[in-house]
PDB file of N, CA and C in Angstrom:
ATOM      1  N   MET A   1     -15.389  -3.430  -6.189  1.00  0.00           N
ATOM      2  CA  MET A   1     -15.390  -3.767  -4.775  1.00  0.00           C
ATOM      3  C   MET A   1     -14.498  -2.783  -4.034  1.00  0.00           C
ATOM      4  N   VAL A   2     -14.996  -2.231  -2.961  1.00  0.00           N
ATOM      5  CA  VAL A   2     -14.255  -1.282  -2.149  1.00  0.00           C
ATOM      6  C   VAL A   2     -14.177  -1.841  -0.740  1.00  0.00           C
ATOM      7  N   ASN A   3     -12.975  -1.964  -0.222  1.00  0.00           N
ATOM      8  CA  ASN A   3     -12.766  -2.404   1.146  1.00  0.00           C
ATOM      9  C   ASN A   3     -12.333  -1.204   1.967  1.00  0.00           C
ATOM     10  N   ARG A   4     -12.922  -1.048   3.155  1.00  0.00           N
ATOM     11  CA  ARG A   4     -12.555   0.076   4.016  1.00  0.00           C
ATOM     12  C   ARG A   4     -11.716  -0.460   5.162  1.00  0.00           C
ATOM     13  N   SER A   5     -10.630   0.244   5.460  1.00  0.00           N
ATOM     14  CA  SER A   5      -9.784  -0.095   6.601  1.00  0.00           C
ATOM     15  C   SER A   5      -9.287   1.212   7.203  1.00  0.00           C
ATOM     16  N   THR A   6      -8.449   1.082   8.234  1.00  0.00           N
ATOM     17  CA  THR A   6      -7.884   2.273   8.851  1.00  0.00           C
ATOM     18  C   THR A   6      -6.377   2.248   8.661  1.00  0.00           C
ATOM     19  N   ALA A   7      -5.843   3.320   8.101  1.00  0.00           N
ATOM     20  CA  ALA A   7      -4.406   3.423   7.853  1.00  0.00           C
ATOM     21  C   ALA A   7      -3.695   3.695   9.179  1.00  0.00           C
ATOM     22  N   PRO A   8      -2.354   3.488   9.209  1.00  0.00           N
ATOM     23  CA  PRO A   8      -1.609   3.725  10.450  1.00  0.00           C
ATOM     24  C   PRO A   8      -1.783   5.132  11.018  1.00  0.00           C
ATOM     25  N   ASP A   9      -1.982   6.141  10.160  1.00  0.00           N
ATOM     26  CA  ASP A   9      -2.165   7.500  10.674  1.00  0.00           C
ATOM     27  C   ASP A   9      -3.632   7.794  10.966  1.00  0.00           C
ATOM     28  N   SER A  10      -4.453   6.759  11.055  1.00  0.00           N
ATOM     29  CA  SER A  10      -5.859   6.780  11.419  1.00  0.00           C
ATOM     30  C   SER A  10      -6.769   7.507  10.434  1.00  0.00           C
ATOM     31  N   LEU A  11      -6.315   7.740   9.216  1.00  0.00           N
ATOM     32  CA  LEU A  11      -7.206   8.248   8.179  1.00  0.00           C
ATOM     33  C   LEU A  11      -7.933   7.055   7.557  1.00  0.00           C
ATOM     34  N   PRO A  12      -9.197   7.229   7.187  1.00  0.00           N
ATOM     35  CA  PRO A  12      -9.869   6.099   6.538  1.00  0.00           C
ATOM     36  C   PRO A  12      -9.213   5.812   5.197  1.00  0.00           C
ATOM     37  N   THR A  13      -9.116   4.521   4.859  1.00  0.00           N
ATOM     38  CA  THR A  13      -8.483   4.122   3.611  1.00  0.00           C
ATOM     39  C   THR A  13      -9.431   3.171   2.887  1.00  0.00           C
ATOM     40  N   ASP A  14      -9.649   3.443   1.611  1.00  0.00           N
ATOM     41  CA  ASP A  14     -10.427   2.534   0.775  1.00  0.00           C
ATOM     42  C   ASP A  14      -9.478   1.846  -0.169  1.00  0.00           C
ATOM     43  N   THR A  15      -9.776   0.595  -0.482  1.00  0.00           N
ATOM     44  CA  THR A  15      -8.973  -0.181  -1.422  1.00  0.00           C
ATOM     45  C   THR A  15      -9.835  -0.518  -2.629  1.00  0.00           C
ATOM     46  N   TRP A  16      -9.305  -0.244  -3.798  1.00  0.00           N
ATOM     47  CA  TRP A  16     -10.001  -0.437  -5.056  1.00  0.00           C
ATOM     48  C   TRP A  16      -9.173  -1.340  -5.958  1.00  0.00           C
ATOM     49  N   THR A  17      -9.839  -2.219  -6.706  1.00  0.00           N
ATOM     50  CA  THR A  17      -9.143  -2.918  -7.774  1.00  0.00           C
ATOM     51  C   THR A  17      -8.909  -1.920  -8.894  1.00  0.00           C
ATOM     52  N   LEU A  18      -7.935  -2.166  -9.726  1.00  0.00           N
ATOM     53  CA  LEU A  18      -7.644  -1.245 -10.821  1.00  0.00           C
ATOM     54  C   LEU A  18      -8.856  -1.057 -11.724  1.00  0.00           C
ATOM     55  N   ALA A  19      -9.510  -2.157 -12.079  1.00  0.00           N
ATOM     56  CA  ALA A  19     -10.669  -2.090 -12.965  1.00  0.00           C
ATOM     57  C   ALA A  19     -11.792  -1.272 -12.342  1.00  0.00           C
ATOM     58  N   ASN A  20     -12.032  -1.477 -11.050  1.00  0.00           N
ATOM     59  CA  ASN A  20     -13.093  -0.742 -10.358  1.00  0.00           C
ATOM     60  C   ASN A  20     -12.732   0.743 -10.233  1.00  0.00           C
ATOM     61  N   ALA A  21     -11.452   1.040  -9.955  1.00  0.00           N
ATOM     62  CA  ALA A  21     -11.028   2.431  -9.844  1.00  0.00           C
ATOM     63  C   ALA A  21     -11.177   3.144 -11.177  1.00  0.00           C
ATOM     64  N   LYS A  22     -10.847   2.468 -12.278  1.00  0.00           N
ATOM     65  CA  LYS A  22     -10.993   3.080 -13.602  1.00  0.00           C
ATOM     66  C   LYS A  22     -12.451   3.365 -13.894  1.00  0.00           C
ATOM     67  N   ALA A  23     -13.332   2.433 -13.537  1.00  0.00           N
ATOM     68  CA  ALA A  23     -14.757   2.594 -13.832  1.00  0.00           C
ATOM     69  C   ALA A  23     -15.402   3.663 -12.937  1.00  0.00           C
ATOM     70  N   ARG A  24     -14.824   3.886 -11.747  1.00  0.00           N
ATOM     71  CA  ARG A  24     -15.437   4.808 -10.785  1.00  0.00           C
ATOM     72  C   ARG A  24     -14.448   5.887 -10.355  1.00  0.00           C
ATOM     73  N   LEU A  25     -13.665   6.414 -11.298  1.00  0.00           N
ATOM     74  CA  LEU A  25     -12.608   7.376 -11.002  1.00  0.00           C
ATOM     75  C   LEU A  25     -13.123   8.591 -10.243  1.00  0.00           C
ATOM     76  N   SER A  26     -14.258   9.116 -10.626  1.00  0.00           N
ATOM     77  CA  SER A  26     -14.797  10.308  -9.927  1.00  0.00           C
ATOM     78  C   SER A  26     -15.028  10.002  -8.455  1.00  0.00           C
ATOM     79  N   GLU A  27     -15.526   8.809  -8.156  1.00  0.00           N
ATOM     80  CA  GLU A  27     -15.773   8.434  -6.767  1.00  0.00           C
ATOM     81  C   GLU A  27     -14.440   8.249  -6.011  1.00  0.00           C
ATOM     82  N   VAL A  28     -13.450   7.663  -6.664  1.00  0.00           N
ATOM     83  CA  VAL A  28     -12.128   7.513  -6.059  1.00  0.00           C
ATOM     84  C   VAL A  28     -11.583   8.882  -5.659  1.00  0.00           C
ATOM     85  N   ILE A  29     -11.677   9.839  -6.576  1.00  0.00           N
ATOM     86  CA  ILE A  29     -11.187  11.191  -6.316  1.00  0.00           C
ATOM     87  C   ILE A  29     -11.983  11.863  -5.195  1.00  0.00           C
ATOM     88  N   ASP A  30     -13.300  11.712  -5.218  1.00  0.00           N
ATOM     89  CA  ASP A  30     -14.133  12.295  -4.154  1.00  0.00           C
ATOM     90  C   ASP A  30     -13.750  11.708  -2.804  1.00  0.00           C
ATOM     91  N   ARG A  31     -13.558  10.402  -2.718  1.00  0.00           N
ATOM     92  CA  ARG A  31     -13.214   9.763  -1.454  1.00  0.00           C
ATOM     93  C   ARG A  31     -11.801  10.114  -1.002  1.00  0.00           C
ATOM     94  N   ALA A  32     -10.939  10.438  -1.933  1.00  0.00           N
ATOM     95  CA  ALA A  32      -9.557  10.821  -1.585  1.00  0.00           C
ATOM     96  C   ALA A  32      -9.546  12.097  -0.755  1.00  0.00           C
ATOM     97  N   GLN A  33     -10.626  12.884  -0.797  1.00  0.00           N
ATOM     98  CA  GLN A  33     -10.691  14.099   0.007  1.00  0.00           C
ATOM     99  C   GLN A  33     -10.780  13.785   1.494  1.00  0.00           C
ATOM    100  N   THR A  34     -11.220  12.559   1.856  1.00  0.00           N
ATOM    101  CA  THR A  34     -11.337  12.181   3.256  1.00  0.00           C
ATOM    102  C   THR A  34     -10.312  11.166   3.692  1.00  0.00           C
ATOM    103  N   GLY A  35      -9.574  10.579   2.754  1.00  0.00           N
ATOM    104  CA  GLY A  35      -8.554   9.601   3.133  1.00  0.00           C
ATOM    105  C   GLY A  35      -7.931   8.963   1.904  1.00  0.00           C
ATOM    106  N   PRO A  36      -6.754   8.388   2.074  1.00  0.00           N
ATOM    107  CA  PRO A  36      -6.054   7.756   0.953  1.00  0.00           C
ATOM    108  C   PRO A  36      -6.856   6.628   0.325  1.00  0.00           C
ATOM    109  N   GLN A  37      -6.770   6.526  -0.984  1.00  0.00           N
ATOM    110  CA  GLN A  37      -7.450   5.481  -1.743  1.00  0.00           C
ATOM    111  C   GLN A  37      -6.396   4.594  -2.372  1.00  0.00           C
ATOM    112  N   VAL A  38      -6.321   3.336  -1.950  1.00  0.00           N
ATOM    113  CA  VAL A  38      -5.320   2.415  -2.426  1.00  0.00           C
ATOM    114  C   VAL A  38      -5.879   1.673  -3.639  1.00  0.00           C
ATOM    115  N   ILE A  39      -5.120   1.648  -4.726  1.00  0.00           N
ATOM    116  CA  ILE A  39      -5.510   0.932  -5.930  1.00  0.00           C
ATOM    117  C   ILE A  39      -4.607  -0.277  -6.063  1.00  0.00           C
ATOM    118  N   THR A  40      -5.231  -1.452  -6.195  1.00  0.00           N
ATOM    119  CA  THR A  40      -4.470  -2.680  -6.294  1.00  0.00           C
ATOM    120  C   THR A  40      -4.434  -3.197  -7.730  1.00  0.00           C
ATOM    121  N   ARG A  41      -3.373  -3.900  -8.031  1.00  0.00           N
ATOM    122  CA  ARG A  41      -3.229  -4.581  -9.324  1.00  0.00           C
ATOM    123  C   ARG A  41      -2.762  -5.987  -9.013  1.00  0.00           C
ATOM    124  N   HIS A  42      -3.473  -6.966  -9.516  1.00  0.00           N
ATOM    125  CA  HIS A  42      -3.170  -8.378  -9.237  1.00  0.00           C
ATOM    126  C   HIS A  42      -3.156  -8.648  -7.733  1.00  0.00           C
ATOM    127  N   GLY A  43      -4.030  -7.972  -7.006  1.00  0.00           N
ATOM    128  CA  GLY A  43      -4.187  -8.201  -5.568  1.00  0.00           C
ATOM    129  C   GLY A  43      -3.157  -7.520  -4.676  1.00  0.00           C
ATOM    130  N   LYS A  44      -2.229  -6.760  -5.256  1.00  0.00           N
ATOM    131  CA  LYS A  44      -1.200  -6.086  -4.473  1.00  0.00           C
ATOM    132  C   LYS A  44      -1.344  -4.578  -4.608  1.00  0.00           C
ATOM    133  N   PRO A  45      -1.116  -3.827  -3.521  1.00  0.00           N
ATOM    134  CA  PRO A  45      -1.182  -2.369  -3.618  1.00  0.00           C
ATOM    135  C   PRO A  45      -0.241  -1.850  -4.694  1.00  0.00           C
ATOM    136  N   ASN A  46      -0.757  -0.968  -5.563  1.00  0.00           N
ATOM    137  CA  ASN A  46       0.032  -0.481  -6.681  1.00  0.00           C
ATOM    138  C   ASN A  46       0.133   1.028  -6.719  1.00  0.00           C
ATOM    139  N   ALA A  47      -0.895   1.717  -6.233  1.00  0.00           N
ATOM    140  CA  ALA A  47      -0.914   3.180  -6.270  1.00  0.00           C
ATOM    141  C   ALA A  47      -1.807   3.682  -5.144  1.00  0.00           C
ATOM    142  N   VAL A  48      -1.600   4.945  -4.781  1.00  0.00           N
ATOM    143  CA  VAL A  48      -2.439   5.578  -3.754  1.00  0.00           C
ATOM    144  C   VAL A  48      -2.870   6.929  -4.284  1.00  0.00           C
ATOM    145  N   VAL A  49      -4.165   7.208  -4.178  1.00  0.00           N
ATOM    146  CA  VAL A  49      -4.691   8.512  -4.573  1.00  0.00           C
ATOM    147  C   VAL A  49      -5.008   9.275  -3.299  1.00  0.00           C
ATOM    148  N   VAL A  50      -4.439  10.491  -3.184  1.00  0.00           N
ATOM    149  CA  VAL A  50      -4.703  11.343  -2.027  1.00  0.00           C
ATOM    150  C   VAL A  50      -5.163  12.705  -2.534  1.00  0.00           C
ATOM    151  N   SER A  51      -5.749  13.486  -1.654  1.00  0.00           N
ATOM    152  CA  SER A  51      -6.181  14.830  -2.040  1.00  0.00           C
ATOM    153  C   SER A  51      -4.964  15.700  -2.319  1.00  0.00           C
ATOM    154  N   ALA A  52      -5.173  16.762  -3.091  1.00  0.00           N
ATOM    155  CA  ALA A  52      -4.080  17.694  -3.390  1.00  0.00           C
ATOM    156  C   ALA A  52      -3.578  18.329  -2.094  1.00  0.00           C
ATOM    157  N   GLU A  53      -4.464  18.590  -1.163  1.00  0.00           N
ATOM    158  CA  GLU A  53      -4.055  19.175   0.119  1.00  0.00           C
ATOM    159  C   GLU A  53      -3.144  18.223   0.895  1.00  0.00           C
ATOM    160  N   GLU A  54      -3.508  16.950   0.938  1.00  0.00           N
ATOM    161  CA  GLU A  54      -2.682  15.957   1.622  1.00  0.00           C
ATOM    162  C   GLU A  54      -1.324  15.826   0.956  1.00  0.00           C
ATOM    163  N   TRP A  55      -1.298  15.804  -0.380  1.00  0.00           N
ATOM    164  CA  TRP A  55      -0.042  15.691  -1.107  1.00  0.00           C
ATOM    165  C   TRP A  55       0.873  16.896  -0.804  1.00  0.00           C
ATOM    166  N   ALA A  56       0.294  18.094  -0.808  1.00  0.00           N
ATOM    167  CA  ALA A  56       1.075  19.298  -0.517  1.00  0.00           C
ATOM    168  C   ALA A  56       1.663  19.228   0.891  1.00  0.00           C
ATOM    169  N   ARG A  57       0.894  18.719   1.827  1.00  0.00           N
ATOM    170  CA  ARG A  57       1.363  18.590   3.213  1.00  0.00           C
ATOM    171  C   ARG A  57       2.518  17.581   3.302  1.00  0.00           C
ATOM    172  N   LYS A  58       2.427  16.484   2.553  1.00  0.00           N
ATOM    173  CA  LYS A  58       3.454  15.442   2.593  1.00  0.00           C
ATOM    174  C   LYS A  58       4.765  15.897   1.963  1.00  0.00           C
ATOM    175  N   VAL A  59       4.706  16.724   0.918  1.00  0.00           N
ATOM    176  CA  VAL A  59       5.930  17.099   0.222  1.00  0.00           C
ATOM    177  C   VAL A  59       6.462  18.466   0.627  1.00  0.00           C
ATOM    178  N   ALA A  60       5.810  19.120   1.575  1.00  0.00           N
ATOM    179  CA  ALA A  60       6.259  20.442   2.004  1.00  0.00           C
ATOM    180  C   ALA A  60       7.651  20.352   2.620  1.00  0.00           C
ATOM    181  N   ARG A  61       8.499  21.242   2.195  1.00  0.00           N
ATOM    182  CA  ARG A  61       9.878  21.275   2.709  1.00  0.00           C
ATOM    183  C   ARG A  61       9.857  21.974   4.056  1.00  0.00           C
ATOM    184  N   ILE A  62      10.520  21.366   5.018  1.00  0.00           N
ATOM    185  CA  ILE A  62      10.587  21.954   6.349  1.00  0.00           C
ATOM    186  C   ILE A  62      12.000  22.450   6.582  1.00  0.00           C
ATOM    187  N   GLY A  63      12.181  23.747   6.570  1.00  0.00           N
ATOM    188  CA  GLY A  63      13.490  24.337   6.796  1.00  0.00           C
ATOM    189  C   GLY A  63      14.386  24.273   5.568  1.00  0.00           C
ATOM    190  N   THR A  64      15.597  24.746   5.724  1.00  0.00           N
ATOM    191  CA  THR A  64      16.573  24.766   4.637  1.00  0.00           C
ATOM    192  C   THR A  64      17.649  23.730   4.915  1.00  0.00           C
ATOM    193  N   LEU A  65      18.470  23.456   3.921  1.00  0.00           N
ATOM    194  CA  LEU A  65      19.591  22.544   4.104  1.00  0.00           C
ATOM    195  C   LEU A  65      20.534  23.091   5.177  1.00  0.00           C
ATOM    196  N   ALA A  66      20.775  24.381   5.163  1.00  0.00           N
ATOM    197  CA  ALA A  66      21.661  24.989   6.170  1.00  0.00           C
ATOM    198  C   ALA A  66      21.101  24.753   7.582  1.00  0.00           C
ATOM    199  N   GLU A  67      19.800  24.919   7.762  1.00  0.00           N
ATOM    200  CA  GLU A  67      19.197  24.692   9.089  1.00  0.00           C
ATOM    201  C   GLU A  67      19.318  23.229   9.498  1.00  0.00           C
ATOM    202  N   PHE A  68      19.146  22.331   8.545  1.00  0.00           N
ATOM    203  CA  PHE A  68      19.284  20.907   8.823  1.00  0.00           C
ATOM    204  C   PHE A  68      20.709  20.590   9.285  1.00  0.00           C
ATOM    205  N   LEU A  69      21.694  21.128   8.559  1.00  0.00           N
ATOM    206  CA  LEU A  69      23.086  20.849   8.905  1.00  0.00           C
ATOM    207  C   LEU A  69      23.445  21.482  10.258  1.00  0.00           C
ATOM    208  N   LEU A  70      22.935  22.658  10.525  1.00  0.00           N
ATOM    209  CA  LEU A  70      23.215  23.317  11.800  1.00  0.00           C
ATOM    210  C   LEU A  70      22.609  22.548  12.972  1.00  0.00           C
ATOM    211  N   ALA A  71      21.511  21.842  12.726  1.00  0.00           N
ATOM    212  CA  ALA A  71      20.865  21.086  13.799  1.00  0.00           C
ATOM    213  C   ALA A  71      21.426  19.679  13.949  1.00  0.00           C
ATOM    214  N   SER A  72      22.424  19.331  13.179  1.00  0.00           N
ATOM    215  CA  SER A  72      22.995  17.983  13.218  1.00  0.00           C
ATOM    216  C   SER A  72      23.581  17.679  14.582  1.00  0.00           C
ATOM    217  N   PRO A  73      23.356  16.463  15.080  1.00  0.00           N
ATOM    218  CA  PRO A  73      23.971  16.083  16.363  1.00  0.00           C
ATOM    219  C   PRO A  73      25.492  15.959  16.256  1.00  0.00           C
ATOM    220  N   LEU A  74      26.037  15.906  15.026  1.00  0.00           N
ATOM    221  CA  LEU A  74      27.475  15.819  14.839  1.00  0.00           C
ATOM    222  C   LEU A  74      28.145  17.180  14.795  1.00  0.00           C
ATOM    223  N   ARG A  75      27.363  18.239  14.846  1.00  0.00           N
ATOM    224  CA  ARG A  75      27.935  19.593  14.809  1.00  0.00           C
ATOM    225  C   ARG A  75      28.819  19.796  16.049  1.00  0.00           C
ATOM    226  N   GLY A  76      30.037  20.195  15.800  1.00  0.00           N
ATOM    227  CA  GLY A  76      30.965  20.428  16.914  1.00  0.00           C
ATOM    228  C   GLY A  76      31.576  19.167  17.458  1.00  0.00           C
ATOM    229  N   ALA A  77      31.479  18.051  16.742  1.00  0.00           N
ATOM    230  CA  ALA A  77      31.995  16.765  17.232  1.00  0.00           C
ATOM    231  C   ALA A  77      33.480  16.615  16.967  1.00  0.00           C
ATOM    232  N   ASP A  78      34.138  17.592  16.350  1.00  0.00           N
ATOM    233  CA  ASP A  78      35.560  17.532  16.040  1.00  0.00           C
ATOM    234  C   ASP A  78      35.947  16.264  15.290  1.00  0.00           C
ATOM    235  N   LEU A  79      35.204  15.979  14.240  1.00  0.00           N
ATOM    236  CA  LEU A  79      35.539  14.832  13.413  1.00  0.00           C
ATOM    237  C   LEU A  79      36.810  15.135  12.632  1.00  0.00           C
ATOM    238  N   GLU A  80      37.675  14.160  12.546  1.00  0.00           N
ATOM    239  CA  GLU A  80      38.897  14.324  11.748  1.00  0.00           C
ATOM    240  C   GLU A  80      38.712  13.555  10.453  1.00  0.00           C
ATOM    241  N   LEU A  81      38.544  14.278   9.386  1.00  0.00           N
ATOM    242  CA  LEU A  81      38.324  13.672   8.089  1.00  0.00           C
ATOM    243  C   LEU A  81      39.544  13.933   7.206  1.00  0.00           C
ATOM    244  N   GLU A  82      39.978  12.892   6.509  1.00  0.00           N
ATOM    245  CA  GLU A  82      41.080  13.043   5.584  1.00  0.00           C
ATOM    246  C   GLU A  82      40.574  12.891   4.167  1.00  0.00           C
ATOM    247  N   ARG A  83      41.054  13.771   3.307  1.00  0.00           N
ATOM    248  CA  ARG A  83      40.677  13.697   1.913  1.00  0.00           C
ATOM    249  C   ARG A  83      41.647  12.773   1.184  1.00  0.00           C
ATOM    250  N   VAL A  84      41.093  11.874   0.358  1.00  0.00           N
ATOM    251  CA  VAL A  84      41.931  10.979  -0.428  1.00  0.00           C
ATOM    252  C   VAL A  84      42.347  11.725  -1.673  1.00  0.00           C
ATOM    253  N   HIS A  85      43.644  11.750  -1.943  1.00  0.00           N
ATOM    254  CA  HIS A  85      44.185  12.469  -3.083  1.00  0.00           C
ATOM    255  C   HIS A  85      44.548  11.496  -4.194  1.00  0.00           C
ATOM    256  N   ASP A  86      43.567  10.833  -4.765  1.00  0.00           N
ATOM    257  CA  ASP A  86      43.772   9.904  -5.873  1.00  0.00           C
ATOM    258  C   ASP A  86      44.043  10.679  -7.147  1.00  0.00           C
ATOM    259  N   ALA A  87      44.611   9.957  -8.104  1.00  0.00           N
ATOM    260  CA  ALA A  87      44.812  10.557  -9.424  1.00  0.00           C
ATOM    261  C   ALA A  87      43.462  10.709 -10.106  1.00  0.00           C
ATOM    262  N   PRO A  88      43.322  11.713 -10.977  1.00  0.00           N
ATOM    263  CA  PRO A  88      42.027  11.880 -11.654  1.00  0.00           C
ATOM    264  C   PRO A  88      41.740  10.698 -12.592  1.00  0.00           C
ATOM    265  N   ARG A  89      40.470  10.469 -12.847  1.00  0.00           N
ATOM    266  CA  ARG A  89      40.061   9.413 -13.758  1.00  0.00           C
ATOM    267  C   ARG A  89      40.462   9.742 -15.183  1.00  0.00           C
ATOM    268  N   ASP A  90      40.651   8.687 -15.980  1.00  0.00           N
ATOM    269  CA  ASP A  90      40.926   8.898 -17.394  1.00  0.00           C
ATOM    270  C   ASP A  90      39.691   9.499 -18.057  1.00  0.00           C
ATOM    271  N   GLU A  91      39.938  10.409 -18.994  1.00  0.00           N
ATOM    272  CA  GLU A  91      38.829  11.029 -19.704  1.00  0.00           C
ATOM    273  C   GLU A  91      38.202  10.023 -20.657  1.00  0.00           C
ATOM    274  N   MET A  92      36.887  10.116 -20.799  1.00  0.00           N
ATOM    275  CA  MET A  92      36.154   9.265 -21.731  1.00  0.00           C
ATOM    276  C   MET A  92      36.292   9.855 -23.131  1.00  0.00           C
ATOM    277  N   PRO A  93      36.444   9.021 -24.151  1.00  0.00           N
ATOM    278  CA  PRO A  93      36.553   9.585 -25.527  1.00  0.00           C
ATOM    279  C   PRO A  93      35.263  10.185 -26.020  1.00  0.00           C
TER     280      PRO A  93
END
Protein backbone atom coordinates (compact mmCIF):
# COMPACT_ATOMS: atom_id res chain seq x y z
CA MET A 1 0.00 0.00 0.00
CA VAL A 2 1.35 3.40 -0.98
CA ASN A 3 -0.12 6.61 0.41
CA ARG A 4 0.66 9.89 -1.33
CA SER A 5 0.87 13.17 0.59
CA THR A 6 2.67 16.47 0.33
CA ALA A 7 5.72 17.12 2.50
CA PRO A 8 6.28 20.53 4.15
CA ASP A 9 8.76 21.49 1.40
CA SER A 10 6.02 20.65 -1.17
CA LEU A 11 7.80 17.64 -2.65
CA PRO A 12 5.51 14.67 -3.22
CA THR A 13 5.94 12.02 -0.53
CA ASP A 14 4.95 8.38 -0.70
CA THR A 15 4.56 6.23 2.40
CA TRP A 16 5.36 2.53 2.25
CA THR A 17 5.06 -0.24 4.81
CA LEU A 18 8.35 -2.01 5.39
CA ALA A 19 7.08 -5.24 3.83
CA ASN A 20 5.78 -3.42 0.76
CA ALA A 21 9.00 -1.40 0.38
CA LYS A 22 11.07 -4.59 0.54
CA ALA A 23 8.89 -6.27 -2.08
CA ARG A 24 8.95 -3.22 -4.38
CA LEU A 25 12.40 -1.74 -3.69
CA SER A 26 13.05 -0.80 -7.32
CA GLU A 27 9.83 1.21 -7.39
CA VAL A 28 10.69 2.91 -4.08
CA ILE A 29 14.05 3.96 -5.53
CA ASP A 30 12.48 5.13 -8.81
CA ARG A 31 9.91 7.23 -6.94
CA ALA A 32 12.62 8.69 -4.70
CA GLN A 33 13.85 10.55 -7.79
CA THR A 34 10.72 12.75 -7.60
CA GLY A 35 10.25 12.98 -3.83
CA PRO A 36 11.03 11.44 -0.44
CA GLN A 37 9.74 7.93 0.20
CA VAL A 38 8.78 7.29 3.84
CA ILE A 39 9.03 3.70 5.06
CA THR A 40 6.99 2.82 8.12
CA ARG A 41 7.45 0.05 10.66
CA HIS A 42 4.58 -0.81 13.00
CA GLY A 43 2.67 2.16 11.58
CA LYS A 44 5.32 4.75 12.48
CA PRO A 45 7.77 6.48 10.13
CA ASN A 46 11.09 4.65 10.38
CA ALA A 47 13.20 5.63 7.36
CA VAL A 48 13.19 7.95 4.36
CA VAL A 49 14.60 7.16 0.93
CA VAL A 50 15.67 10.16 -1.14
CA SER A 51 17.54 10.52 -4.41
CA ALA A 52 21.33 10.79 -4.30
CA GLU A 53 21.00 14.33 -5.68
CA GLU A 54 18.64 15.35 -2.86
CA TRP A 55 20.93 13.78 -0.25
CA ALA A 56 23.96 15.63 -1.63
CA ARG A 57 22.02 18.90 -1.50
CA LYS A 58 20.96 18.29 2.12
CA VAL A 59 24.46 17.47 3.40
CA ALA A 60 26.40 20.04 1.38
CA ARG A 61 28.57 22.18 3.62
CA ILE A 62 27.92 25.88 3.26
CA GLY A 63 31.01 27.93 4.03
CA THR A 64 33.79 27.20 6.49
CA LEU A 65 33.88 27.23 10.28
CA ALA A 66 35.90 30.45 10.12
CA GLU A 67 33.21 32.12 7.96
CA PHE A 68 30.52 30.94 10.36
CA LEU A 69 32.36 32.36 13.37
CA LEU A 70 33.09 35.64 11.57
CA ALA A 71 29.38 36.02 10.79
CA SER A 72 28.36 35.47 14.44
CA PRO A 73 26.11 38.15 15.90
CA LEU A 74 28.32 37.96 19.03
CA ARG A 75 31.41 39.07 17.11
CA GLY A 76 32.71 42.26 18.68
CA ALA A 77 30.34 41.98 21.65
CA ASP A 78 33.22 42.38 24.16
CA LEU A 79 32.26 39.32 26.14
CA GLU A 80 34.28 38.90 29.30
CA LEU A 81 35.03 35.24 29.78
CA GLU A 82 37.00 33.81 32.67
CA ARG A 83 38.82 30.54 32.46
CA VAL A 84 38.38 28.19 35.41
CA HIS A 85 41.76 26.99 36.65
CA ASP A 86 40.78 23.68 38.27
CA ALA A 87 43.28 21.03 39.18
CA PRO A 88 43.80 18.37 36.51
CA ARG A 89 41.81 15.15 36.76
CA ASP A 90 43.39 12.06 38.25
CA GLU A 91 44.89 9.79 35.64
CA MET A 92 43.05 6.56 34.90
CA PRO A 93 45.07 3.37 35.54
